Structure formats: C-alpha cells, structure tokens
Amino acid sequence: MMRQQPTWTTSPTMTSISDLPMSVAIPSLIVGFSLAWLFGYKVWRNARLFPGPIGLPLLGNVHQIPLVSQHTTFAEWEKRYGSIIYVRILQRPVLFLNSVEAANDLMDTKGANYSDRPPLVFLRESLGLGIITPLLPYGAQWRRHRKWMQTALLDKRALDSYREMQIKQVRRLLWELIQSPEDFETHIKRYVGAFVLRITYGRTSGSSQDEEFIKMAAQAVADATGAGNLGAALIDFIPMLRYLPAWMPGAGFQRKALRIKHSIRNAMEIPYKSAKEAVVPGTEKACFVTSVLQQLRQTGELTEEDENDLVAAAGGLFLAGIETSITVLLAFVLAMVLHPEVCKKAQAEIDSAIGLTRLPDFGDRASLPYVERMLQELLRWSCPVTLGVPHQSIADDEYLGRHIPGGTMIVPNIWSMTRNPHPYPDPETFRPERFDELDATTLDLHDPSKLVFGFGRRICPGRYLADSTIWLVMVSILACFDISKAVDEEGNEITPTASFDSAAVRHTKPFKCKISPRSHFNVEHLAV
C-alpha cells in the first residue's frame, strides 16, 4: 500500500515576498539588504580593530583596567596583544600605544587627525582645568594659546633672556643646600616654583607673597594629579555623573573635586591679578604675561575674552611647569644616592672640563657629554609621566591594515616605551653609558628627552626651558656637593629604595640622603 504524500498548504496569514505589491517588496528588499550589509560591515570592521582583551556587553573593558599603576598593566598586555591595544571603556574606544614607532606614526606623522583631546570631563569640568592650554580641544583657541607659548618659550631670544635668572636662582638653591641640606626637597620645590613664577608673572622679589603663590600652585597640582578614584574615572565615560549632588552618598569625589577646583582657580587668578596690578608701563619685567599683554594691546583694547584666555594660558604654564621639573630633580638626587659610581664619574668630567675655580654655565654643556647621557638616563629611568595626556582621533583612519574609529582616545604608554628591552637592555638599571651604545637612528627615535614631553602638535612648548633648567641644577649640584647615603643614629647607612608613587606625575617616595660640600667648594662661587 502506497503512503500518501503530505500536502502542504500555505496559511492564509503567510505571504511570500513575491505576493507583495512592488511598492512594498522593493523597499523591503532594500531595507533588508541594507541591514544585512550594515551588520556585515560592522562585523568586518570590528574584526579589523587592533587586538585587545575581551570585554563585557555595555561595560566593555572597564572592569579590567586598574585605578593605579595602569602603565604596568598595559605593558603586560603588550606581551599578549602586541604593542597597540584596543579596548572599550563603556562605549568609548581607546587605543593604548606601547611603542615609540606607533606614537610617532599616529601623533606626529598624522598629527592633523590625532591632535584633538578627549572630553576628560573630570579634569576639564569637575576640576576646572578645561581652560588651560594642554587640555583645550584642537581648534582656534588652542592655536591662539600655542602662538603665545611659541613667543615666550620657543623663541631663542626669549630663552636666552631667562639664563641670567636661571643662574641666579640656582645660586640661591646651592646656598640653601649649604644651610640645611636635609631640607633638599623643600629647597628644590622653592627653586622650581620661583623660576616658573618669574617667567610666567615676572615676580622677582622673593617675598612671602611669592612663597604663598608657589605653595598654592604646588598644592593645587598635587591635589589634581592625585585625585583619581573610581568616581573620577567613571565621570569621563558617563558624563552625566558630573551632575550628582556632592551631598549624595557615594559622591565623595564631587566634594573633593569642588575643593580642588577652588584651589586651582585661586592658583591661577591670584598671581595673575597681582602681576597685572604691579605692571608699570616701561618698567615691567619681561615674562609670559607682559609679553602677551603687549601683543593684545597692540591690536586694540583688552577684552574680557582676551583676559580670560590669558589667565588660563598663564595658569596652565605656572601649574604644569612646576610639577614635572620637581619630580625629575628629586629623582636625580635619589639616583645619585643609589649609584655613587655615576655621581663620581659625572663629577670627574665636570672637574676636568670646567676646573675647580668656577661654577658651570650654559656654555659648558657641549663639553660635558657624560652629564648629557646622565640626564637622558634620568628621564628614562624615572619616567616622570608614565601615561601621556591622551589624544583623540578626529576621523576614521587606517593604520597597519587595522581600523581606528574616529573619536578614539589615544593613550601613549611612555613608561613602556622607556622600558623597551630592545634599545634599553636591563631597563631598571641606571646606566647612562647605554646611550653611547645606540646608533644615531635608534637614539633619535628612542631619546627619552623627547618622549617625556609628548608627541606631535601637542608636544610641551616648555620642553627646552625645562631641559635647560634641570641640566643647570644637576651640573651645579654635582660641581659643589657630594651626595651619599644618610646614616642612622648608630652610624649605619640608610639605603633608600627606588620607589615612586602612582599619581599622574610620578613622584619619588620620601627618602633621606647626605648632601655635603665638596672639599674644594668655595662659597664665593655663589656670587652672581
């Protein structure tokens, strides 16, 4: 008996595409193909992103990024994912760059597309730092600030005009180290603060008011760089959190931010007002503020917008100019304590090139190649800024066959670059001679004195001034003092550790040392 084949009938509620009117079928096909294409394109594009750890839906990789010592985490990820790592923090794409080559290719060579700044809501809005030059978006206001900085910080005549002042301040630092060497940290902070105050606002009196300005700036910067916590980090990626009332439970970061914002505003506005009130036409000291005021007044009346811009630009120079130099100079003292052989070799070079009857000057720099290598090694070893200030891509881009979406935050891991074992074998060892072993091309690419100041169009405009300031302090201290380990009450040497904190600007942890005048030192050398 033959089985009867089943008969399939079409439900009256089911309609094939062929049964639809053309006016409906064609748009349906177009929409369907478009959605399929978009889905396929998204899958294809995501497959072309740089590799990175697998994230969670919605949250992305936020749970995998620590709040402290992020630079070491990203360096570890490099071993698994490569030198360019892609992550998502919530819905924000982020690219971490562990290689100098990638940083130069994107932020230098392709600077037109990678010179913007991400919103950085916590720093720019919660702390009120969005008006200073380093954090401005890439645009007309930033270019205006940058033009002012060029005149005051990059022009050779301007740089030469600061030299007498630098020498005078260094002489005072040396005198203070004679009087109370145990307070070397206080003296270094005063020196850097006084110098930056002078070039920014023209203050030269050394009054108690100046000391107060320096303390205000140092405290504001310390608060800002140490303000990171979970709430602060999340504000950058969930901007609506900035509207949380400070009194709400869990909004302690808001209360802290309000206090820091107030101290930052005072540190920028009070010195500016004081400098402006002290200006008498024809007698003012050459400085950043007076230089810009002259430029603005030549074009007409000083507007409120002009003045707000100048307060912000000067404030940014004052605040940013203090922290990094202090950090590097304290690391220098620590390095000399831990590596007496380097200290003695540098002193021998100084004695041979300069003699024992005068102090070093800027004209001696070319004759002190070992000291130059020591400065490079100091910047590499101490790495004062572990993660560079983030850039942001403006438009979609392709690099090394991979896709970089527009609006991607670009974070250079400078610490990882300075720990690359290819140009820097045994990277944790302090060894200035390593730079003599590199060929010219490798040295130019991996020179720490370039890396620590940033990349591309956003590179620090004060880098030459900071470099000369740090060099003069180093060589002057080495010429005049021996730096060695402190001893305890029983006469035992105290060996400090090469420890740094985890703030945005990496400070040495407190340490003790012995600073004593060298046998040939003559206090008369300190006469300016």
Protein backbone atom coordinates (compact mmCIF):
# COMPACT_ATOMS: atom_id res chain seq x y z
CA MET A 1 0.00 0.00 0.00
CA MET A 2 1.42 3.29 -1.06
CA ARG A 3 1.74 6.07 1.51
CA GLN A 4 0.01 9.24 0.57
CA GLN A 5 2.39 12.17 0.31
CA PRO A 6 1.56 15.02 2.69
CA THR A 7 0.07 18.04 1.13
CA TRP A 8 1.49 21.37 2.27
CA THR A 9 -0.85 24.26 2.29
CA THR A 10 0.01 27.87 2.72
CA SER A 11 -1.52 29.56 5.68
CA PRO A 12 -3.71 32.42 4.67
CA THR A 13 -1.75 34.56 7.10
CA MET A 14 1.64 33.82 5.44
CA THR A 15 2.67 35.91 2.47
CA SER A 16 5.77 35.39 0.34
CA ILE A 17 7.78 38.35 -0.93
CA SER A 18 6.52 37.55 -4.43
CA ASP A 19 2.94 38.10 -3.30
CA LEU A 20 3.66 41.61 -2.08
CA PRO A 21 2.97 44.61 -4.22
CA MET A 22 6.09 46.03 -5.88
CA SER A 23 5.71 49.24 -3.88
CA VAL A 24 6.20 47.21 -0.69
CA ALA A 25 8.50 44.44 -1.87
CA ILE A 26 11.26 46.62 -3.31
CA PRO A 27 11.63 48.88 -0.21
CA SER A 28 11.53 45.75 1.98
CA LEU A 29 14.34 44.18 -0.02
CA ILE A 30 16.37 47.39 0.12
CA VAL A 31 15.94 47.69 3.89
CA GLY A 32 16.73 44.03 4.41
CA PHE A 33 19.87 44.10 2.27
CA SER A 34 20.94 47.38 3.90
CA LEU A 35 20.57 45.97 7.40
CA ALA A 36 22.42 42.83 6.40
CA TRP A 37 25.19 44.89 4.79
CA LEU A 38 25.49 47.18 7.80
CA PHE A 39 25.64 44.22 10.16
CA GLY A 40 28.23 42.53 7.97
CA TYR A 41 30.24 45.76 7.67
CA LYS A 42 30.20 46.23 11.43
CA VAL A 43 31.40 42.65 11.96
CA TRP A 44 34.09 43.13 9.29
CA ARG A 45 35.18 46.49 10.72
CA ASN A 46 35.31 45.17 14.30
CA ALA A 47 37.39 42.26 13.06
CA ARG A 48 39.86 44.85 11.73
CA LEU A 49 40.29 46.65 15.05
CA PHE A 50 43.56 46.22 16.90
CA PRO A 51 43.55 43.25 19.31
CA GLY A 52 42.84 43.60 23.00
CA PRO A 53 41.22 41.86 25.96
CA ILE A 54 37.64 40.66 25.50
CA GLY A 55 35.19 42.98 27.21
CA LEU A 56 31.67 42.67 28.57
CA PRO A 57 28.48 43.84 26.85
CA LEU A 58 27.83 47.52 27.56
CA LEU A 59 30.68 47.77 30.10
CA GLY A 60 33.46 46.93 27.68
CA ASN A 61 36.81 46.52 29.45
CA VAL A 62 36.15 48.89 32.34
CA HIS A 63 36.48 46.05 34.87
CA GLN A 64 39.94 45.11 33.58
CA ILE A 65 41.63 48.50 33.93
CA PRO A 66 43.07 49.21 37.40
CA LEU A 67 42.79 52.61 39.06
CA VAL A 68 46.51 52.71 39.88
CA SER A 69 49.67 51.64 38.04
CA GLN A 70 47.79 51.37 34.76
CA HIS A 71 51.04 51.70 32.81
CA THR A 72 52.30 48.35 34.08
CA THR A 73 49.02 46.63 33.19
CA PHE A 74 49.15 47.94 29.63
CA ALA A 75 52.80 46.86 29.36
CA GLU A 76 51.81 43.33 30.44
CA TRP A 77 49.01 43.29 27.86
CA GLU A 78 51.59 44.02 25.18
CA LYS A 79 53.06 40.54 25.67
CA ARG A 80 49.71 39.03 24.68
CA TYR A 81 48.12 41.50 22.27
CA GLY A 82 51.02 43.43 20.76
CA SER A 83 52.25 46.99 21.13
CA ILE A 84 48.91 48.56 20.07
CA ILE A 85 45.97 47.52 22.22
CA TYR A 86 42.29 48.28 21.62
CA VAL A 87 39.74 48.36 24.44
CA ARG A 88 36.31 49.82 25.09
CA ILE A 89 35.51 51.68 28.27
CA LEU A 90 31.73 51.55 28.22
CA GLN A 91 31.12 52.70 24.62
CA ARG A 92 34.32 54.76 24.25
CA PRO A 93 37.03 53.21 22.03
CA VAL A 94 40.53 53.54 23.50
CA LEU A 95 43.89 52.69 21.95
CA PHE A 96 46.97 52.17 24.13
CA LEU A 97 50.30 52.70 22.39
CA ASN A 98 53.27 50.89 23.90
CA SER A 99 55.68 51.59 21.04
CA VAL A 100 57.51 54.76 20.03
CA GLU A 101 57.02 53.90 16.36
CA ALA A 102 53.22 53.82 16.64
CA ALA A 103 53.15 57.01 18.71
CA ASN A 104 55.24 58.86 16.12
CA ASP A 105 53.31 57.46 13.15
CA LEU A 106 49.93 58.49 14.54
CA MET A 107 50.53 61.61 16.62
CA ASP A 108 53.45 63.10 14.67
CA THR A 109 53.10 61.99 11.04
CA LYS A 110 49.29 62.03 11.13
CA GLY A 111 49.06 64.91 13.56
CA ALA A 112 46.20 66.62 11.70
CA ASN A 113 43.93 63.73 12.70
CA TYR A 114 45.36 62.92 16.12
CA SER A 115 45.82 66.28 17.85
CA ASP A 116 42.42 66.61 19.49
CA ARG A 117 41.78 65.93 23.17
CA PRO A 118 39.07 63.60 24.50
CA PRO A 119 36.43 65.21 26.74
CA LEU A 120 38.26 64.29 30.01
CA VAL A 121 35.20 65.52 31.86
CA PHE A 122 36.66 65.13 35.35
CA LEU A 123 39.78 67.20 34.66
CA ARG A 124 38.20 69.75 32.34
CA GLU A 125 34.87 70.35 34.05
CA SER A 126 34.90 68.93 37.57
CA LEU A 127 38.36 70.37 38.34
CA GLY A 128 38.03 73.41 36.07
CA LEU A 129 41.16 72.62 34.06
CA GLY A 130 39.45 72.66 30.67
CA ILE A 131 40.64 76.22 30.04
CA ILE A 132 44.39 75.54 30.25
CA THR A 133 46.37 75.03 27.04
CA PRO A 134 47.26 71.31 27.40
CA LEU A 135 43.60 70.29 27.75
CA LEU A 136 41.97 72.59 25.18
CA PRO A 137 40.29 70.94 22.19
CA TYR A 138 42.20 71.17 18.93
CA GLY A 139 40.92 74.41 17.43
CA ALA A 140 41.18 78.18 17.25
CA GLN A 141 41.51 78.79 21.00
CA TRP A 142 44.25 76.19 21.33
CA ARG A 143 46.12 77.69 18.36
CA ARG A 144 45.90 81.12 19.98
CA HIS A 145 47.39 79.83 23.23
CA ARG A 146 50.05 77.93 21.33
CA LYS A 147 51.08 81.05 19.44
CA TRP A 148 51.58 82.87 22.74
CA MET A 149 53.64 79.96 24.06
CA GLN A 150 55.80 79.95 20.94
CA THR A 151 56.83 83.55 21.53
CA ALA A 152 57.58 83.13 25.23
CA LEU A 153 59.00 79.61 25.38
CA LEU A 154 60.40 78.62 21.99
CA ASP A 155 61.90 81.85 20.65
CA LYS A 156 65.70 81.77 21.07
CA ARG A 157 65.87 85.38 22.23
CA ALA A 158 63.29 84.69 24.91
CA LEU A 159 65.13 81.57 26.08
CA ASP A 160 68.44 83.45 26.21
CA SER A 161 66.82 86.23 28.25
CA TYR A 162 65.96 83.72 31.01
CA ARG A 163 69.52 82.48 31.52
CA GLU A 164 70.70 85.12 33.96
CA MET A 165 67.60 84.48 36.05
CA GLN A 166 68.16 80.70 35.95
CA ILE A 167 71.75 81.12 37.14
CA LYS A 168 70.69 83.47 39.94
CA GLN A 169 68.03 81.05 41.19
CA VAL A 170 70.44 78.10 41.05
CA ARG A 171 72.99 80.04 43.12
CA ARG A 172 70.33 80.60 45.74
CA LEU A 173 69.46 76.89 45.70
CA LEU A 174 73.11 75.99 46.30
CA TRP A 175 73.27 78.42 49.20
CA GLU A 176 70.15 76.88 50.75
CA LEU A 177 71.67 73.41 50.42
CA ILE A 178 74.69 74.62 52.39
CA GLN A 179 72.49 75.98 55.16
CA SER A 180 70.14 73.00 55.55
CA PRO A 181 70.98 70.09 53.23
CA GLU A 182 68.47 67.81 54.94
CA ASP A 183 65.70 70.02 53.54
CA PHE A 184 66.77 69.41 49.93
CA GLU A 185 63.21 68.60 48.83
CA THR A 186 61.89 71.92 50.16
CA HIS A 187 64.74 73.83 48.51
CA ILE A 188 64.22 72.15 45.13
CA LYS A 189 60.50 72.88 45.22
CA ARG A 190 61.17 76.53 46.08
CA TYR A 191 63.72 76.85 43.29
CA VAL A 192 61.44 75.43 40.59
CA GLY A 193 58.43 77.38 41.83
CA ALA A 194 60.33 80.68 41.98
CA PHE A 195 61.72 80.25 38.48
CA VAL A 196 58.38 79.35 36.90
CA LEU A 197 56.70 82.19 38.82
CA ARG A 198 59.29 84.59 37.41
CA ILE A 199 58.97 83.59 33.75
CA THR A 200 55.17 83.44 33.96
CA TYR A 201 54.31 86.51 36.01
CA GLY A 202 57.56 88.48 36.26
CA ARG A 203 57.77 88.19 40.05
CA THR A 204 61.33 88.61 41.36
CA SER A 205 61.00 89.89 44.91
CA GLY A 206 61.12 86.54 46.69
CA SER A 207 58.56 87.92 49.13
CA SER A 208 56.32 85.92 51.44
CA GLN A 209 53.54 86.53 48.90
CA ASP A 210 55.62 84.82 46.22
CA GLU A 211 56.21 81.89 48.55
CA GLU A 212 52.46 81.68 49.07
CA PHE A 213 51.83 81.66 45.32
CA ILE A 214 54.29 78.78 44.93
CA LYS A 215 52.66 76.80 47.74
CA MET A 216 49.22 77.39 46.24
CA ALA A 217 50.34 76.10 42.84
CA ALA A 218 52.17 73.08 44.25
CA GLN A 219 49.18 72.10 46.36
CA ALA A 220 46.72 72.56 43.50
CA VAL A 221 48.79 70.38 41.18
CA ALA A 222 49.36 67.72 43.83
CA ASP A 223 45.62 67.59 44.52
CA ALA A 224 44.73 67.39 40.83
CA THR A 225 47.26 64.68 39.94
CA GLY A 226 46.29 62.60 42.95
CA ALA A 227 42.52 62.99 42.56
CA GLY A 228 41.85 59.81 40.60
CA ASN A 229 39.37 57.32 42.04
CA LEU A 230 36.51 55.20 40.72
CA GLY A 231 34.03 58.10 40.64
CA ALA A 232 36.50 60.41 38.95
CA ALA A 233 37.37 57.77 36.36
CA LEU A 234 33.75 56.97 35.54
CA ILE A 235 32.81 60.63 35.01
CA ASP A 236 34.95 60.65 31.86
CA PHE A 237 32.88 57.83 30.38
CA ILE A 238 29.49 58.53 31.99
CA PRO A 239 29.42 62.35 31.83
CA MET A 240 26.00 62.60 33.49
CA LEU A 241 27.67 61.61 36.77
CA ARG A 242 29.06 65.14 36.98
CA TYR A 243 25.55 66.31 37.87
CA LEU A 244 25.40 64.18 41.02
CA PRO A 245 24.93 66.46 44.06
CA ALA A 246 28.00 66.48 46.26
CA TRP A 247 25.90 65.60 49.31
CA MET A 248 24.71 62.26 47.91
CA PRO A 249 26.16 59.03 49.33
CA GLY A 250 28.90 57.78 47.03
CA ALA A 251 29.53 61.26 45.59
CA GLY A 252 32.55 62.00 47.74
CA PHE A 253 34.59 62.54 44.58
CA GLN A 254 32.32 65.51 43.83
CA ARG A 255 33.07 67.14 47.18
CA LYS A 256 36.77 66.57 46.65
CA ALA A 257 36.54 67.97 43.12
CA LEU A 258 34.83 71.17 44.30
CA ARG A 259 37.61 71.80 46.81
CA ILE A 260 40.35 71.16 44.25
CA LYS A 261 38.58 73.31 41.65
CA HIS A 262 38.58 76.23 44.09
CA SER A 263 42.29 75.83 44.86
CA ILE A 264 43.16 75.61 41.15
CA ARG A 265 41.16 78.76 40.38
CA ASN A 266 42.95 80.66 43.14
CA ALA A 267 46.37 79.39 42.00
CA MET A 268 45.70 80.79 38.51
CA GLU A 269 43.78 84.00 39.21
CA ILE A 270 45.52 85.47 42.27
CA PRO A 271 49.09 85.58 40.84
CA TYR A 272 47.75 86.97 37.55
CA LYS A 273 45.88 89.81 39.26
CA SER A 274 48.91 90.61 41.39
CA ALA A 275 51.19 90.67 38.33
CA LYS A 276 48.81 92.84 36.34
CA GLU A 277 48.40 95.36 39.16
CA ALA A 278 52.18 95.61 39.55
CA VAL A 279 52.78 96.44 35.89
CA VAL A 280 54.02 99.97 35.27
CA PRO A 281 54.47 100.65 31.54
CA GLY A 282 58.15 100.76 30.63
CA THR A 283 59.33 99.13 33.87
CA GLU A 284 57.68 95.71 33.79
CA LYS A 285 59.85 92.58 33.81
CA ALA A 286 59.84 90.51 30.64
CA CYS A 287 57.65 87.48 31.26
CA PHE A 288 54.87 85.49 29.64
CA VAL A 289 52.03 87.70 30.92
CA THR A 290 53.62 91.04 29.96
CA SER A 291 54.65 89.65 26.56
CA VAL A 292 51.09 88.59 25.72
CA LEU A 293 49.57 91.77 27.16
CA GLN A 294 51.77 93.82 24.84
CA GLN A 295 50.67 91.74 21.85
CA LEU A 296 46.99 92.09 22.74
CA ARG A 297 47.16 95.83 23.38
CA GLN A 298 48.81 96.40 20.01
CA THR A 299 45.69 95.03 18.35
CA GLY A 300 43.23 97.14 20.37
CA GLU A 301 41.53 97.17 23.75
CA LEU A 302 41.96 94.21 26.07
CA THR A 303 38.62 92.37 26.06
CA GLU A 304 37.20 90.16 28.79
CA GLU A 305 37.65 87.16 26.49
CA ASP A 306 41.31 88.11 25.96
CA GLU A 307 41.91 88.35 29.68
CA ASN A 308 40.16 85.07 30.47
CA ASP A 309 42.29 83.37 27.84
CA LEU A 310 45.47 84.89 29.25
CA VAL A 311 44.61 83.90 32.83
CA ALA A 312 44.11 80.32 31.62
CA ALA A 313 47.24 80.19 29.46
CA ALA A 314 49.44 81.69 32.19
CA GLY A 315 47.85 79.49 34.84
CA GLY A 316 48.48 76.39 32.79
CA LEU A 317 52.12 77.36 32.30
CA PHE A 318 52.54 78.04 36.02
CA LEU A 319 50.88 74.83 37.20
CA ALA A 320 52.27 72.47 34.57
CA GLY A 321 55.75 73.98 34.70
CA ILE A 322 56.26 73.17 38.36
CA GLU A 323 55.37 69.54 38.87
CA THR A 324 57.46 67.68 36.28
CA SER A 325 60.70 69.57 36.96
CA ILE A 326 60.42 68.96 40.70
CA THR A 327 59.82 65.26 40.09
CA VAL A 328 62.86 64.90 37.82
CA LEU A 329 65.20 66.80 40.17
CA LEU A 330 64.19 64.73 43.21
CA ALA A 331 64.72 61.58 41.13
CA PHE A 332 68.18 62.92 40.25
CA VAL A 333 69.14 63.15 43.94
CA LEU A 334 67.80 59.63 44.53
CA ALA A 335 69.72 58.24 41.55
CA MET A 336 72.97 59.77 42.81
CA VAL A 337 72.45 58.22 46.25
CA LEU A 338 71.81 54.79 44.75
CA HIS A 339 74.54 54.99 42.10
CA PRO A 340 77.64 56.68 43.58
CA GLU A 341 79.77 55.42 40.67
CA VAL A 342 77.67 57.51 38.26
CA CYS A 343 77.90 60.53 40.56
CA LYS A 344 81.71 60.29 40.78
CA LYS A 345 82.12 59.82 37.03
CA ALA A 346 79.99 62.92 36.32
CA GLN A 347 81.93 64.95 38.90
CA ALA A 348 85.24 63.90 37.35
CA GLU A 349 84.04 65.08 33.94
CA ILE A 350 82.90 68.42 35.38
CA ASP A 351 86.20 68.95 37.23
CA SER A 352 88.20 68.14 34.11
CA ALA A 353 86.19 70.32 31.72
CA ILE A 354 85.49 73.30 33.99
CA GLY A 355 88.08 73.22 36.74
CA LEU A 356 87.63 73.94 40.42
CA THR A 357 87.60 77.73 40.42
CA ARG A 358 84.16 78.48 38.98
CA LEU A 359 80.65 77.09 38.68
CA PRO A 360 79.24 75.53 35.50
CA ASP A 361 77.45 77.71 32.98
CA PHE A 362 75.29 77.04 29.93
CA GLY A 363 78.31 77.43 27.68
CA ASP A 364 79.86 74.33 29.26
CA ARG A 365 77.12 71.94 28.17
CA ALA A 366 78.77 70.75 24.96
CA SER A 367 81.92 69.77 26.87
CA LEU A 368 80.03 67.51 29.31
CA PRO A 369 78.79 64.53 27.24
CA TYR A 370 78.56 62.13 30.19
CA VAL A 371 76.34 64.56 32.12
CA GLU A 372 74.18 64.77 28.99
CA ARG A 373 73.81 60.98 28.91
CA MET A 374 73.05 61.02 32.62
CA LEU A 375 70.17 63.43 32.04
CA GLN A 376 68.77 61.20 29.29
CA GLU A 377 69.04 58.17 31.57
CA LEU A 378 67.42 60.08 34.42
CA LEU A 379 64.39 60.91 32.27
CA ARG A 380 64.17 57.30 31.07
CA TRP A 381 64.67 55.68 34.47
CA SER A 382 62.41 57.98 36.49
CA CYS A 383 59.82 58.42 33.70
CA PRO A 384 58.04 61.35 35.41
CA VAL A 385 54.87 60.96 33.31
CA THR A 386 54.01 57.28 32.79
CA LEU A 387 50.98 57.82 30.54
CA GLY A 388 50.96 60.81 28.22
CA VAL A 389 47.97 63.15 28.16
CA PRO A 390 45.50 61.35 25.84
CA HIS A 391 44.99 62.46 22.25
CA GLN A 392 41.84 61.74 20.26
CA SER A 393 41.33 60.82 16.62
CA ILE A 394 39.11 63.24 14.72
CA ALA A 395 38.08 60.95 11.85
CA ASP A 396 38.21 57.24 10.99
CA ASP A 397 41.68 56.08 9.99
CA GLU A 398 43.58 53.01 8.84
CA TYR A 399 46.95 52.01 10.29
CA LEU A 400 48.93 48.82 9.68
CA GLY A 401 45.88 47.31 7.98
CA ARG A 402 43.69 47.95 11.03
CA HIS A 403 40.78 50.30 11.58
CA ILE A 404 40.84 53.17 14.11
CA PRO A 405 37.38 54.71 14.58
CA GLY A 406 37.01 58.47 14.78
CA GLY A 407 36.68 59.64 18.38
CA THR A 408 39.12 57.00 19.66
CA MET A 409 41.10 58.03 22.73
CA ILE A 410 44.83 57.54 22.08
CA VAL A 411 46.94 56.92 25.20
CA PRO A 412 50.75 56.72 24.83
CA ASN A 413 52.34 54.47 27.46
CA ILE A 414 55.59 56.37 27.91
CA TRP A 415 56.67 54.10 30.77
CA SER A 416 56.50 51.07 28.47
CA MET A 417 58.45 52.93 25.78
CA THR A 418 61.23 53.72 28.25
CA ARG A 419 61.32 50.07 29.39
CA ASN A 420 61.65 48.57 25.90
CA PRO A 421 64.44 45.97 26.26
CA HIS A 422 65.45 46.30 22.59
CA PRO A 423 67.12 49.72 22.87
CA TYR A 424 67.35 49.52 26.70
CA PRO A 425 68.67 46.13 27.91
CA ASP A 426 68.17 45.64 31.66
CA PRO A 427 65.87 48.69 31.74
CA GLU A 428 65.57 49.00 35.53
CA THR A 429 69.31 49.60 35.87
CA PHE A 430 70.50 53.22 35.93
CA ARG A 431 73.31 53.25 33.35
CA PRO A 432 73.99 56.43 31.32
CA GLU A 433 76.53 54.62 29.12
CA ARG A 434 73.71 52.74 27.38
CA PHE A 435 73.08 55.73 25.10
CA ASP A 436 76.63 55.61 23.74
CA GLU A 437 75.93 52.06 22.58
CA LEU A 438 72.99 53.05 20.35
CA ASP A 439 73.33 54.04 16.71
CA ALA A 440 72.23 57.55 15.77
CA THR A 441 68.88 56.49 14.27
CA THR A 442 67.85 54.39 17.27
CA LEU A 443 68.97 57.08 19.70
CA ASP A 444 66.98 59.75 17.88
CA LEU A 445 63.84 57.58 17.86
CA HIS A 446 64.05 56.44 21.48
CA ASP A 447 65.56 59.56 23.08
CA PRO A 448 63.80 59.91 26.47
CA SER A 449 64.35 63.66 26.46
CA LYS A 450 61.83 63.73 23.61
CA LEU A 451 59.38 61.06 24.79
CA VAL A 452 58.59 62.56 28.19
CA PHE A 453 57.44 65.86 26.67
CA GLY A 454 54.70 64.40 24.48
CA PHE A 455 54.07 63.94 20.78
CA GLY A 456 53.13 65.81 17.64
CA ARG A 457 51.42 69.17 17.72
CA ARG A 458 50.65 68.68 21.41
CA ILE A 459 54.29 68.40 22.48
CA CYS A 460 55.10 70.50 25.56
CA PRO A 461 56.09 74.03 24.44
CA GLY A 462 58.20 74.48 27.58
CA ARG A 463 60.43 71.48 26.90
CA TYR A 464 63.59 73.45 26.07
CA LEU A 465 63.24 75.65 29.13
CA ALA A 466 62.58 72.66 31.39
CA ASP A 467 65.55 70.81 29.90
CA SER A 468 67.97 73.69 30.47
CA THR A 469 66.66 74.29 33.99
CA ILE A 470 67.07 70.66 35.03
CA TRP A 471 70.53 70.42 33.43
CA LEU A 472 71.83 73.53 35.20
CA VAL A 473 70.64 72.32 38.61
CA MET A 474 72.16 68.87 38.11
CA VAL A 475 75.56 70.05 36.96
CA SER A 476 75.75 72.78 39.61
CA ILE A 477 74.92 70.42 42.48
CA LEU A 478 77.43 67.85 41.22
CA ALA A 479 80.14 70.52 40.95
CA CYS A 480 79.60 71.70 44.53
CA PHE A 481 78.33 68.75 46.57
CA ASP A 482 78.82 65.09 47.29
CA ILE A 483 75.57 63.12 47.54
CA SER A 484 75.61 59.92 49.57
CA LYS A 485 73.51 57.72 51.83
CA ALA A 486 72.29 59.11 55.13
CA VAL A 487 73.22 57.30 58.34
CA ASP A 488 71.06 56.41 61.32
CA GLU A 489 71.79 57.18 64.98
CA GLU A 490 74.10 54.18 65.20
CA GLY A 491 76.11 55.20 62.15
CA ASN A 492 74.61 52.62 59.79
CA GLU A 493 73.95 53.67 56.21
CA ILE A 494 70.32 54.06 55.18
CA THR A 495 69.78 52.69 51.68
CA PRO A 496 66.66 54.16 50.06
CA THR A 497 64.61 52.22 47.54
CA ALA A 498 63.86 53.37 44.02
CA SER A 499 60.17 53.78 44.81
CA PHE A 500 57.70 56.06 43.07
CA ASP A 501 54.05 56.77 43.76
CA SER A 502 51.24 56.05 41.30
CA ALA A 503 49.99 59.59 40.65
CA ALA A 504 49.66 61.01 37.12
CA VAL A 505 53.06 62.67 37.63
CA ARG A 506 55.29 60.04 39.26
CA HIS A 507 57.00 61.31 42.41
CA THR A 508 59.77 59.63 44.34
CA LYS A 509 58.59 58.40 47.70
CA PRO A 510 60.22 60.27 50.63
CA PHE A 511 63.86 59.34 51.21
CA LYS A 512 66.85 60.59 53.19
CA CYS A 513 70.35 61.34 51.97
CA LYS A 514 73.52 63.19 52.91
CA ILE A 515 74.48 66.28 50.90
CA SER A 516 77.84 67.80 51.85
CA PRO A 517 80.09 70.44 50.20
CA ARG A 518 83.00 69.02 48.23
CA SER A 519 86.47 69.71 49.61
CA HIS A 520 87.30 72.40 47.05
CA PHE A 521 83.96 74.20 47.31
CA ASN A 522 84.24 77.94 47.89
CA VAL A 523 81.13 79.84 48.97
CA GLU A 524 82.37 82.83 46.98
CA HIS A 525 81.47 80.88 43.85
CA LEU A 526 77.84 81.64 44.65
CA ALA A 527 78.21 85.33 43.88
CA VAL A 528 76.16 86.15 40.79
